[in-house]
mmCIF file of all heavy atoms, coordinates in Angstrom:
data_MODEL
# 
_entry.id   MODEL 
# 
loop_
_atom_site.group_PDB 
_atom_site.id 
_atom_site.type_symbol 
_atom_site.label_atom_id 
_atom_site.label_alt_id 
_atom_site.label_comp_id 
_atom_site.label_asym_id 
_atom_site.label_entity_id 
_atom_site.label_seq_id 
_atom_site.pdbx_PDB_ins_code 
_atom_site.Cartn_x 
_atom_site.Cartn_y 
_atom_site.Cartn_z 
_atom_site.occupancy 
_atom_site.B_iso_or_equiv 
_atom_site.pdbx_formal_charge 
_atom_site.auth_seq_id 
_atom_site.auth_comp_id 
_atom_site.auth_asym_id 
_atom_site.auth_atom_id 
_atom_site.pdbx_PDB_model_num 
ATOM 1   N N   . VAL A 1 1  ? 9.755  -32.080 -24.445 1.00 0.00 ? 1  VAL A N   1 
ATOM 2   C CA  . VAL A 1 1  ? 9.730  -31.119 -23.299 1.00 0.00 ? 1  VAL A CA  1 
ATOM 3   C C   . VAL A 1 1  ? 10.183 -31.981 -22.066 1.00 0.00 ? 1  VAL A C   1 
ATOM 4   O O   . VAL A 1 1  ? 9.667  -33.090 -21.929 1.00 0.00 ? 1  VAL A O   1 
ATOM 5   C CB  . VAL A 1 1  ? 8.396  -30.422 -23.025 1.00 0.00 ? 1  VAL A CB  1 
ATOM 6   C CG1 . VAL A 1 1  ? 7.279  -31.449 -22.843 1.00 0.00 ? 1  VAL A CG1 1 
ATOM 7   C CG2 . VAL A 1 1  ? 8.403  -29.507 -21.787 1.00 0.00 ? 1  VAL A CG2 1 
ATOM 8   N N   . LEU A 1 2  ? 11.070 -31.338 -21.298 1.00 0.00 ? 2  LEU A N   1 
ATOM 9   C CA  . LEU A 1 2  ? 11.573 -32.164 -20.097 1.00 0.00 ? 2  LEU A CA  1 
ATOM 10  C C   . LEU A 1 2  ? 10.907 -31.391 -18.943 1.00 0.00 ? 2  LEU A C   1 
ATOM 11  O O   . LEU A 1 2  ? 11.110 -30.151 -18.821 1.00 0.00 ? 2  LEU A O   1 
ATOM 12  C CB  . LEU A 1 2  ? 13.070 -31.999 -20.110 1.00 0.00 ? 2  LEU A CB  1 
ATOM 13  C CG  . LEU A 1 2  ? 13.665 -32.729 -18.892 1.00 0.00 ? 2  LEU A CG  1 
ATOM 14  C CD1 . LEU A 1 2  ? 13.515 -34.198 -18.898 1.00 0.00 ? 2  LEU A CD1 1 
ATOM 15  C CD2 . LEU A 1 2  ? 15.205 -32.376 -18.806 1.00 0.00 ? 2  LEU A CD2 1 
ATOM 16  N N   . VAL A 1 3  ? 10.239 -32.094 -18.024 1.00 0.00 ? 3  VAL A N   1 
ATOM 17  C CA  . VAL A 1 3  ? 9.741  -31.558 -16.833 1.00 0.00 ? 3  VAL A CA  1 
ATOM 18  C C   . VAL A 1 3  ? 10.463 -32.019 -15.680 1.00 0.00 ? 3  VAL A C   1 
ATOM 19  O O   . VAL A 1 3  ? 10.479 -33.331 -15.466 1.00 0.00 ? 3  VAL A O   1 
ATOM 20  C CB  . VAL A 1 3  ? 8.145  -31.904 -16.768 1.00 0.00 ? 3  VAL A CB  1 
ATOM 21  C CG1 . VAL A 1 3  ? 7.592  -31.429 -15.463 1.00 0.00 ? 3  VAL A CG1 1 
ATOM 22  C CG2 . VAL A 1 3  ? 7.393  -31.352 -17.873 1.00 0.00 ? 3  VAL A CG2 1 
ATOM 23  N N   . THR A 1 4  ? 10.991 -31.201 -14.860 1.00 0.00 ? 4  THR A N   1 
ATOM 24  C CA  . THR A 1 4  ? 11.727 -31.540 -13.544 1.00 0.00 ? 4  THR A CA  1 
ATOM 25  C C   . THR A 1 4  ? 11.238 -30.643 -12.490 1.00 0.00 ? 4  THR A C   1 
ATOM 26  O O   . THR A 1 4  ? 10.416 -29.784 -12.797 1.00 0.00 ? 4  THR A O   1 
ATOM 27  C CB  . THR A 1 4  ? 13.200 -31.338 -13.769 1.00 0.00 ? 4  THR A CB  1 
ATOM 28  O OG1 . THR A 1 4  ? 13.495 -30.050 -13.772 1.00 0.00 ? 4  THR A OG1 1 
ATOM 29  C CG2 . THR A 1 4  ? 13.818 -32.043 -15.089 1.00 0.00 ? 4  THR A CG2 1 
ATOM 30  N N   . ALA A 1 5  ? 11.763 -30.876 -11.236 1.00 0.00 ? 5  ALA A N   1 
ATOM 31  C CA  . ALA A 1 5  ? 11.328 -29.960 -10.272 1.00 0.00 ? 5  ALA A CA  1 
ATOM 32  C C   . ALA A 1 5  ? 11.729 -28.533 -10.416 1.00 0.00 ? 5  ALA A C   1 
ATOM 33  O O   . ALA A 1 5  ? 11.172 -27.651 -9.838  1.00 0.00 ? 5  ALA A O   1 
ATOM 34  C CB  . ALA A 1 5  ? 11.995 -30.519 -8.915  1.00 0.00 ? 5  ALA A CB  1 
ATOM 35  N N   . ARG A 1 6  ? 12.615 -28.302 -11.351 1.00 0.00 ? 6  ARG A N   1 
ATOM 36  C CA  . ARG A 1 6  ? 13.077 -26.870 -11.752 1.00 0.00 ? 6  ARG A CA  1 
ATOM 37  C C   . ARG A 1 6  ? 12.140 -26.332 -12.719 1.00 0.00 ? 6  ARG A C   1 
ATOM 38  O O   . ARG A 1 6  ? 12.173 -25.073 -13.001 1.00 0.00 ? 6  ARG A O   1 
ATOM 39  C CB  . ARG A 1 6  ? 14.433 -26.905 -12.200 1.00 0.00 ? 6  ARG A CB  1 
ATOM 40  C CG  . ARG A 1 6  ? 15.428 -27.494 -11.228 1.00 0.00 ? 6  ARG A CG  1 
ATOM 41  C CD  . ARG A 1 6  ? 16.887 -27.329 -11.782 1.00 0.00 ? 6  ARG A CD  1 
ATOM 42  N NE  . ARG A 1 6  ? 17.059 -28.117 -12.898 1.00 0.00 ? 6  ARG A NE  1 
ATOM 43  C CZ  . ARG A 1 6  ? 17.199 -29.364 -13.162 1.00 0.00 ? 6  ARG A CZ  1 
ATOM 44  N NH1 . ARG A 1 6  ? 17.268 -30.125 -11.963 1.00 0.00 ? 6  ARG A NH1 1 
ATOM 45  N NH2 . ARG A 1 6  ? 17.447 -29.908 -14.211 1.00 0.00 ? 6  ARG A NH2 1 
ATOM 46  N N   . GLY A 1 7  ? 11.158 -26.980 -13.328 1.00 0.00 ? 7  GLY A N   1 
ATOM 47  C CA  . GLY A 1 7  ? 10.213 -26.491 -14.274 1.00 0.00 ? 7  GLY A CA  1 
ATOM 48  C C   . GLY A 1 7  ? 10.310 -27.233 -15.568 1.00 0.00 ? 7  GLY A C   1 
ATOM 49  O O   . GLY A 1 7  ? 10.682 -28.444 -15.573 1.00 0.00 ? 7  GLY A O   1 
ATOM 50  N N   . ALA A 1 8  ? 9.811  -26.546 -16.607 1.00 0.00 ? 8  ALA A N   1 
ATOM 51  C CA  . ALA A 1 8  ? 9.869  -27.245 -17.983 1.00 0.00 ? 8  ALA A CA  1 
ATOM 52  C C   . ALA A 1 8  ? 10.791 -26.591 -18.908 1.00 0.00 ? 8  ALA A C   1 
ATOM 53  O O   . ALA A 1 8  ? 10.987 -25.384 -18.973 1.00 0.00 ? 8  ALA A O   1 
ATOM 54  C CB  . ALA A 1 8  ? 8.450  -27.072 -18.549 1.00 0.00 ? 8  ALA A CB  1 
ATOM 55  N N   . GLN A 1 9  ? 11.421 -27.514 -19.828 1.00 0.00 ? 9  GLN A N   1 
ATOM 56  C CA  . GLN A 1 9  ? 12.313 -27.037 -20.745 1.00 0.00 ? 9  GLN A CA  1 
ATOM 57  C C   . GLN A 1 9  ? 12.004 -27.582 -22.134 1.00 0.00 ? 9  GLN A C   1 
ATOM 58  O O   . GLN A 1 9  ? 11.761 -28.828 -22.185 1.00 0.00 ? 9  GLN A O   1 
ATOM 59  C CB  . GLN A 1 9  ? 13.768 -27.303 -20.455 1.00 0.00 ? 9  GLN A CB  1 
ATOM 60  C CG  . GLN A 1 9  ? 14.758 -26.703 -21.402 1.00 0.00 ? 9  GLN A CG  1 
ATOM 61  C CD  . GLN A 1 9  ? 16.168 -26.787 -20.835 1.00 0.00 ? 9  GLN A CD  1 
ATOM 62  O OE1 . GLN A 1 9  ? 16.391 -27.127 -19.719 1.00 0.00 ? 9  GLN A OE1 1 
ATOM 63  N NE2 . GLN A 1 9  ? 17.122 -26.400 -21.718 1.00 0.00 ? 9  GLN A NE2 1 
ATOM 64  N N   . LEU A 1 10 ? 11.730 -26.737 -23.194 1.00 0.00 ? 10 LEU A N   1 
ATOM 65  C CA  . LEU A 1 10 ? 11.283 -27.299 -24.522 1.00 0.00 ? 10 LEU A CA  1 
ATOM 66  C C   . LEU A 1 10 ? 12.482 -27.386 -25.354 1.00 0.00 ? 10 LEU A C   1 
ATOM 67  O O   . LEU A 1 10 ? 13.428 -26.398 -25.337 1.00 0.00 ? 10 LEU A O   1 
ATOM 68  C CB  . LEU A 1 10 ? 10.261 -26.276 -25.186 1.00 0.00 ? 10 LEU A CB  1 
ATOM 69  C CG  . LEU A 1 10 ? 10.014 -26.590 -26.546 1.00 0.00 ? 10 LEU A CG  1 
ATOM 70  C CD1 . LEU A 1 10 ? 9.158  -27.804 -26.645 1.00 0.00 ? 10 LEU A CD1 1 
ATOM 71  C CD2 . LEU A 1 10 ? 9.278  -25.336 -27.289 1.00 0.00 ? 10 LEU A CD2 1 
ATOM 72  N N   . PHE A 1 11 ? 12.737 -28.457 -26.059 1.00 0.00 ? 11 PHE A N   1 
ATOM 73  C CA  . PHE A 1 11 ? 13.883 -28.645 -26.877 1.00 0.00 ? 11 PHE A CA  1 
ATOM 74  C C   . PHE A 1 11 ? 13.236 -28.693 -28.362 1.00 0.00 ? 11 PHE A C   1 
ATOM 75  O O   . PHE A 1 11 ? 12.486 -29.569 -28.603 1.00 0.00 ? 11 PHE A O   1 
ATOM 76  C CB  . PHE A 1 11 ? 14.658 -29.981 -26.523 1.00 0.00 ? 11 PHE A CB  1 
ATOM 77  C CG  . PHE A 1 11 ? 15.245 -29.960 -25.287 1.00 0.00 ? 11 PHE A CG  1 
ATOM 78  C CD1 . PHE A 1 11 ? 14.532 -30.360 -24.127 1.00 0.00 ? 11 PHE A CD1 1 
ATOM 79  C CD2 . PHE A 1 11 ? 16.613 -29.574 -25.100 1.00 0.00 ? 11 PHE A CD2 1 
ATOM 80  C CE1 . PHE A 1 11 ? 15.156 -30.236 -22.889 1.00 0.00 ? 11 PHE A CE1 1 
ATOM 81  C CE2 . PHE A 1 11 ? 17.152 -29.514 -23.844 1.00 0.00 ? 11 PHE A CE2 1 
ATOM 82  C CZ  . PHE A 1 11 ? 16.441 -29.885 -22.781 1.00 0.00 ? 11 PHE A CZ  1 
ATOM 83  N N   . THR A 1 12 ? 13.703 -27.796 -29.279 1.00 0.00 ? 12 THR A N   1 
ATOM 84  C CA  . THR A 1 12 ? 13.277 -27.942 -30.629 1.00 0.00 ? 12 THR A CA  1 
ATOM 85  C C   . THR A 1 12 ? 14.381 -27.487 -31.569 1.00 0.00 ? 12 THR A C   1 
ATOM 86  O O   . THR A 1 12 ? 15.561 -27.271 -31.005 1.00 0.00 ? 12 THR A O   1 
ATOM 87  C CB  . THR A 1 12 ? 12.088 -26.843 -30.677 1.00 0.00 ? 12 THR A CB  1 
ATOM 88  O OG1 . THR A 1 12 ? 11.481 -27.010 -31.995 1.00 0.00 ? 12 THR A OG1 1 
ATOM 89  C CG2 . THR A 1 12 ? 12.502 -25.443 -30.485 1.00 0.00 ? 12 THR A CG2 1 
ATOM 90  N N   . ASP A 1 13 ? 14.110 -27.350 -32.848 1.00 0.00 ? 13 ASP A N   1 
ATOM 91  C CA  . ASP A 1 13 ? 15.226 -27.101 -33.714 1.00 0.00 ? 13 ASP A CA  1 
ATOM 92  C C   . ASP A 1 13 ? 14.904 -25.696 -34.349 1.00 0.00 ? 13 ASP A C   1 
ATOM 93  O O   . ASP A 1 13 ? 13.946 -25.075 -34.175 1.00 0.00 ? 13 ASP A O   1 
ATOM 94  C CB  . ASP A 1 13 ? 15.453 -28.201 -34.797 1.00 0.00 ? 13 ASP A CB  1 
ATOM 95  C CG  . ASP A 1 13 ? 14.172 -28.455 -35.671 1.00 0.00 ? 13 ASP A CG  1 
ATOM 96  O OD1 . ASP A 1 13 ? 13.727 -27.497 -36.386 1.00 0.00 ? 13 ASP A OD1 1 
ATOM 97  O OD2 . ASP A 1 13 ? 13.698 -29.614 -35.670 1.00 0.00 ? 13 ASP A OD2 1 
ATOM 98  N N   . SER A 1 14 ? 15.871 -25.261 -35.333 1.00 0.00 ? 14 SER A N   1 
ATOM 99  C CA  . SER A 1 14 ? 15.840 -23.980 -35.905 1.00 0.00 ? 14 SER A CA  1 
ATOM 100 C C   . SER A 1 14 ? 14.604 -23.689 -36.702 1.00 0.00 ? 14 SER A C   1 
ATOM 101 O O   . SER A 1 14 ? 14.146 -22.505 -36.751 1.00 0.00 ? 14 SER A O   1 
ATOM 102 C CB  . SER A 1 14 ? 17.017 -23.723 -36.693 1.00 0.00 ? 14 SER A CB  1 
ATOM 103 O OG  . SER A 1 14 ? 17.119 -24.630 -37.722 1.00 0.00 ? 14 SER A OG  1 
ATOM 104 N N   . ARG A 1 15 ? 13.983 -24.736 -37.266 1.00 0.00 ? 15 ARG A N   1 
ATOM 105 C CA  . ARG A 1 15 ? 12.682 -24.605 -37.955 1.00 0.00 ? 15 ARG A CA  1 
ATOM 106 C C   . ARG A 1 15 ? 11.563 -23.915 -37.165 1.00 0.00 ? 15 ARG A C   1 
ATOM 107 O O   . ARG A 1 15 ? 10.639 -23.214 -37.681 1.00 0.00 ? 15 ARG A O   1 
ATOM 108 C CB  . ARG A 1 15 ? 12.202 -25.813 -38.584 1.00 0.00 ? 15 ARG A CB  1 
ATOM 109 C CG  . ARG A 1 15 ? 13.144 -26.455 -39.606 1.00 0.00 ? 15 ARG A CG  1 
ATOM 110 C CD  . ARG A 1 15 ? 12.664 -27.927 -39.916 1.00 0.00 ? 15 ARG A CD  1 
ATOM 111 N NE  . ARG A 1 15 ? 12.499 -28.737 -38.767 1.00 0.00 ? 15 ARG A NE  1 
ATOM 112 C CZ  . ARG A 1 15 ? 11.930 -29.909 -38.751 1.00 0.00 ? 15 ARG A CZ  1 
ATOM 113 N NH1 . ARG A 1 15 ? 11.206 -30.353 -39.951 1.00 0.00 ? 15 ARG A NH1 1 
ATOM 114 N NH2 . ARG A 1 15 ? 11.975 -30.698 -37.699 1.00 0.00 ? 15 ARG A NH2 1 
ATOM 115 N N   . TYR A 1 16 ? 11.625 -24.216 -35.839 1.00 0.00 ? 16 TYR A N   1 
ATOM 116 C CA  . TYR A 1 16 ? 10.525 -23.758 -35.031 1.00 0.00 ? 16 TYR A CA  1 
ATOM 117 C C   . TYR A 1 16 ? 10.938 -22.795 -33.933 1.00 0.00 ? 16 TYR A C   1 
ATOM 118 O O   . TYR A 1 16 ? 10.048 -22.527 -32.960 1.00 0.00 ? 16 TYR A O   1 
ATOM 119 C CB  . TYR A 1 16 ? 9.954  -25.012 -34.259 1.00 0.00 ? 16 TYR A CB  1 
ATOM 120 C CG  . TYR A 1 16 ? 9.368  -26.101 -35.087 1.00 0.00 ? 16 TYR A CG  1 
ATOM 121 C CD1 . TYR A 1 16 ? 10.085 -27.310 -35.305 1.00 0.00 ? 16 TYR A CD1 1 
ATOM 122 C CD2 . TYR A 1 16 ? 8.234  -25.896 -35.774 1.00 0.00 ? 16 TYR A CD2 1 
ATOM 123 C CE1 . TYR A 1 16 ? 9.505  -28.275 -36.170 1.00 0.00 ? 16 TYR A CE1 1 
ATOM 124 C CE2 . TYR A 1 16 ? 7.744  -26.857 -36.644 1.00 0.00 ? 16 TYR A CE2 1 
ATOM 125 C CZ  . TYR A 1 16 ? 8.378  -28.000 -36.850 1.00 0.00 ? 16 TYR A CZ  1 
ATOM 126 O OH  . TYR A 1 16 ? 7.793  -29.043 -37.767 1.00 0.00 ? 16 TYR A OH  1 
ATOM 127 N N   . ALA A 1 17 ? 12.143 -22.175 -34.161 1.00 0.00 ? 17 ALA A N   1 
ATOM 128 C CA  . ALA A 1 17 ? 12.628 -21.183 -33.123 1.00 0.00 ? 17 ALA A CA  1 
ATOM 129 C C   . ALA A 1 17 ? 11.603 -20.065 -33.027 1.00 0.00 ? 17 ALA A C   1 
ATOM 130 O O   . ALA A 1 17 ? 11.296 -19.511 -31.941 1.00 0.00 ? 17 ALA A O   1 
ATOM 131 C CB  . ALA A 1 17 ? 13.987 -20.736 -33.580 1.00 0.00 ? 17 ALA A CB  1 
ATOM 132 N N   . GLU A 1 18 ? 11.213 -19.445 -34.085 1.00 0.00 ? 18 GLU A N   1 
ATOM 133 C CA  . GLU A 1 18 ? 10.289 -18.336 -34.024 1.00 0.00 ? 18 GLU A CA  1 
ATOM 134 C C   . GLU A 1 18 ? 8.969  -18.716 -33.573 1.00 0.00 ? 18 GLU A C   1 
ATOM 135 O O   . GLU A 1 18 ? 8.272  -17.953 -32.752 1.00 0.00 ? 18 GLU A O   1 
ATOM 136 C CB  . GLU A 1 18 ? 10.178 -17.782 -35.461 1.00 0.00 ? 18 GLU A CB  1 
ATOM 137 C CG  . GLU A 1 18 ? 11.465 -16.983 -35.966 1.00 0.00 ? 18 GLU A CG  1 
ATOM 138 C CD  . GLU A 1 18 ? 11.881 -15.948 -35.024 1.00 0.00 ? 18 GLU A CD  1 
ATOM 139 O OE1 . GLU A 1 18 ? 10.957 -15.041 -34.624 1.00 0.00 ? 18 GLU A OE1 1 
ATOM 140 O OE2 . GLU A 1 18 ? 13.017 -15.758 -34.698 1.00 0.00 ? 18 GLU A OE2 1 
ATOM 141 N N   . GLN A 1 19 ? 8.560  -19.998 -33.863 1.00 0.00 ? 19 GLN A N   1 
ATOM 142 C CA  . GLN A 1 19 ? 7.241  -20.379 -33.352 1.00 0.00 ? 19 GLN A CA  1 
ATOM 143 C C   . GLN A 1 19 ? 7.227  -20.635 -31.909 1.00 0.00 ? 19 GLN A C   1 
ATOM 144 O O   . GLN A 1 19 ? 6.303  -20.248 -31.256 1.00 0.00 ? 19 GLN A O   1 
ATOM 145 C CB  . GLN A 1 19 ? 6.825  -21.710 -34.133 1.00 0.00 ? 19 GLN A CB  1 
ATOM 146 C CG  . GLN A 1 19 ? 5.465  -22.182 -33.870 1.00 0.00 ? 19 GLN A CG  1 
ATOM 147 C CD  . GLN A 1 19 ? 4.376  -21.279 -34.556 1.00 0.00 ? 19 GLN A CD  1 
ATOM 148 O OE1 . GLN A 1 19 ? 4.641  -20.904 -35.727 1.00 0.00 ? 19 GLN A OE1 1 
ATOM 149 N NE2 . GLN A 1 19 ? 3.250  -21.133 -33.866 1.00 0.00 ? 19 GLN A NE2 1 
ATOM 150 N N   . ALA A 1 20 ? 8.291  -21.026 -31.437 1.00 0.00 ? 20 ALA A N   1 
ATOM 151 C CA  . ALA A 1 20 ? 8.454  -21.211 -30.002 1.00 0.00 ? 20 ALA A CA  1 
ATOM 152 C C   . ALA A 1 20 ? 8.367  -19.884 -29.211 1.00 0.00 ? 20 ALA A C   1 
ATOM 153 O O   . ALA A 1 20 ? 7.735  -19.845 -28.175 1.00 0.00 ? 20 ALA A O   1 
ATOM 154 C CB  . ALA A 1 20 ? 9.784  -21.959 -29.618 1.00 0.00 ? 20 ALA A CB  1 
ATOM 155 N N   . LYS A 1 21 ? 8.881  -18.814 -29.883 1.00 0.00 ? 21 LYS A N   1 
ATOM 156 C CA  . LYS A 1 21 ? 8.861  -17.495 -29.224 1.00 0.00 ? 21 LYS A CA  1 
ATOM 157 C C   . LYS A 1 21 ? 7.505  -17.026 -29.140 1.00 0.00 ? 21 LYS A C   1 
ATOM 158 O O   . LYS A 1 21 ? 6.980  -16.367 -28.141 1.00 0.00 ? 21 LYS A O   1 
ATOM 159 C CB  . LYS A 1 21 ? 9.623  -16.529 -30.037 1.00 0.00 ? 21 LYS A CB  1 
ATOM 160 C CG  . LYS A 1 21 ? 11.181 -16.744 -29.945 1.00 0.00 ? 21 LYS A CG  1 
ATOM 161 C CD  . LYS A 1 21 ? 11.932 -15.695 -30.758 1.00 0.00 ? 21 LYS A CD  1 
ATOM 162 C CE  . LYS A 1 21 ? 13.353 -15.884 -30.891 1.00 0.00 ? 21 LYS A CE  1 
ATOM 163 N NZ  . LYS A 1 21 ? 13.985 -14.965 -31.666 1.00 0.00 ? 21 LYS A NZ  1 
ATOM 164 N N   . LYS A 1 22 ? 6.555  -17.447 -30.130 1.00 0.00 ? 22 LYS A N   1 
ATOM 165 C CA  . LYS A 1 22 ? 5.252  -16.930 -30.136 1.00 0.00 ? 22 LYS A CA  1 
ATOM 166 C C   . LYS A 1 22 ? 4.411  -17.769 -29.127 1.00 0.00 ? 22 LYS A C   1 
ATOM 167 O O   . LYS A 1 22 ? 3.400  -17.309 -28.541 1.00 0.00 ? 22 LYS A O   1 
ATOM 168 C CB  . LYS A 1 22 ? 4.668  -17.121 -31.489 1.00 0.00 ? 22 LYS A CB  1 
ATOM 169 C CG  . LYS A 1 22 ? 5.244  -16.185 -32.583 1.00 0.00 ? 22 LYS A CG  1 
ATOM 170 C CD  . LYS A 1 22 ? 4.685  -16.417 -33.934 1.00 0.00 ? 22 LYS A CD  1 
ATOM 171 C CE  . LYS A 1 22 ? 5.314  -15.579 -35.036 1.00 0.00 ? 22 LYS A CE  1 
ATOM 172 N NZ  . LYS A 1 22 ? 4.824  -15.721 -36.318 1.00 0.00 ? 22 LYS A NZ  1 
ATOM 173 N N   . ASP A 1 23 ? 4.683  -19.123 -29.104 1.00 0.00 ? 23 ASP A N   1 
ATOM 174 C CA  . ASP A 1 23 ? 3.707  -20.054 -28.386 1.00 0.00 ? 23 ASP A CA  1 
ATOM 175 C C   . ASP A 1 23 ? 4.010  -20.175 -26.972 1.00 0.00 ? 23 ASP A C   1 
ATOM 176 O O   . ASP A 1 23 ? 3.079  -20.352 -26.137 1.00 0.00 ? 23 ASP A O   1 
ATOM 177 C CB  . ASP A 1 23 ? 3.794  -21.369 -29.013 1.00 0.00 ? 23 ASP A CB  1 
ATOM 178 C CG  . ASP A 1 23 ? 3.222  -21.474 -30.528 1.00 0.00 ? 23 ASP A CG  1 
ATOM 179 O OD1 . ASP A 1 23 ? 2.432  -20.521 -30.770 1.00 0.00 ? 23 ASP A OD1 1 
ATOM 180 O OD2 . ASP A 1 23 ? 3.436  -22.434 -31.104 1.00 0.00 ? 23 ASP A OD2 1 
ATOM 181 N N   . VAL A 1 24 ? 5.216  -20.208 -26.547 1.00 0.00 ? 24 VAL A N   1 
ATOM 182 C CA  . VAL A 1 24 ? 5.715  -20.598 -25.204 1.00 0.00 ? 24 VAL A CA  1 
ATOM 183 C C   . VAL A 1 24 ? 5.877  -19.286 -24.252 1.00 0.00 ? 24 VAL A C   1 
ATOM 184 O O   . VAL A 1 24 ? 6.505  -18.401 -24.668 1.00 0.00 ? 24 VAL A O   1 
ATOM 185 C CB  . VAL A 1 24 ? 7.034  -21.372 -25.347 1.00 0.00 ? 24 VAL A CB  1 
ATOM 186 C CG1 . VAL A 1 24 ? 7.468  -21.664 -23.953 1.00 0.00 ? 24 VAL A CG1 1 
ATOM 187 C CG2 . VAL A 1 24 ? 6.834  -22.551 -26.088 1.00 0.00 ? 24 VAL A CG2 1 
ATOM 188 N N   . GLY A 1 25 ? 5.183  -19.525 -23.101 1.00 0.00 ? 25 GLY A N   1 
ATOM 189 C CA  . GLY A 1 25 ? 5.352  -18.387 -22.006 1.00 0.00 ? 25 GLY A CA  1 
ATOM 190 C C   . GLY A 1 25 ? 6.621  -18.399 -21.446 1.00 0.00 ? 25 GLY A C   1 
ATOM 191 O O   . GLY A 1 25 ? 7.423  -19.180 -21.582 1.00 0.00 ? 25 GLY A O   1 
ATOM 192 N N   . PRO A 1 26 ? 6.855  -17.342 -20.519 1.00 0.00 ? 26 PRO A N   1 
ATOM 193 C CA  . PRO A 1 26 ? 8.170  -17.064 -19.823 1.00 0.00 ? 26 PRO A CA  1 
ATOM 194 C C   . PRO A 1 26 ? 8.506  -18.216 -18.894 1.00 0.00 ? 26 PRO A C   1 
ATOM 195 O O   . PRO A 1 26 ? 9.638  -18.276 -18.442 1.00 0.00 ? 26 PRO A O   1 
ATOM 196 C CB  . PRO A 1 26 ? 7.924  -15.832 -19.311 1.00 0.00 ? 26 PRO A CB  1 
ATOM 197 C CG  . PRO A 1 26 ? 6.454  -15.629 -19.138 1.00 0.00 ? 26 PRO A CG  1 
ATOM 198 C CD  . PRO A 1 26 ? 5.825  -16.347 -20.312 1.00 0.00 ? 26 PRO A CD  1 
ATOM 199 N N   . ASP A 1 27 ? 7.466  -19.010 -18.536 1.00 0.00 ? 27 ASP A N   1 
ATOM 200 C CA  . ASP A 1 27 ? 7.769  -20.095 -17.529 1.00 0.00 ? 27 ASP A CA  1 
ATOM 201 C C   . ASP A 1 27 ? 8.235  -21.359 -18.096 1.00 0.00 ? 27 ASP A C   1 
ATOM 202 O O   . ASP A 1 27 ? 8.513  -22.349 -17.349 1.00 0.00 ? 27 ASP A O   1 
ATOM 203 C CB  . ASP A 1 27 ? 6.401  -20.352 -16.599 1.00 0.00 ? 27 ASP A CB  1 
ATOM 204 C CG  . ASP A 1 27 ? 5.291  -20.704 -17.517 1.00 0.00 ? 27 ASP A CG  1 
ATOM 205 O OD1 . ASP A 1 27 ? 5.441  -20.629 -18.834 1.00 0.00 ? 27 ASP A OD1 1 
ATOM 206 O OD2 . ASP A 1 27 ? 4.170  -20.815 -17.018 1.00 0.00 ? 27 ASP A OD2 1 
# 
C-alpha cells in the first residue's frame, strides 16, 4: 500500500482481486 498526500492505494495481484473488493473501503 502506498500512502501519499492524495490518500492510499493498494497494489495486489489477480489472486486477491475479489478479496480486495470485499475488504477495502471506497477511500
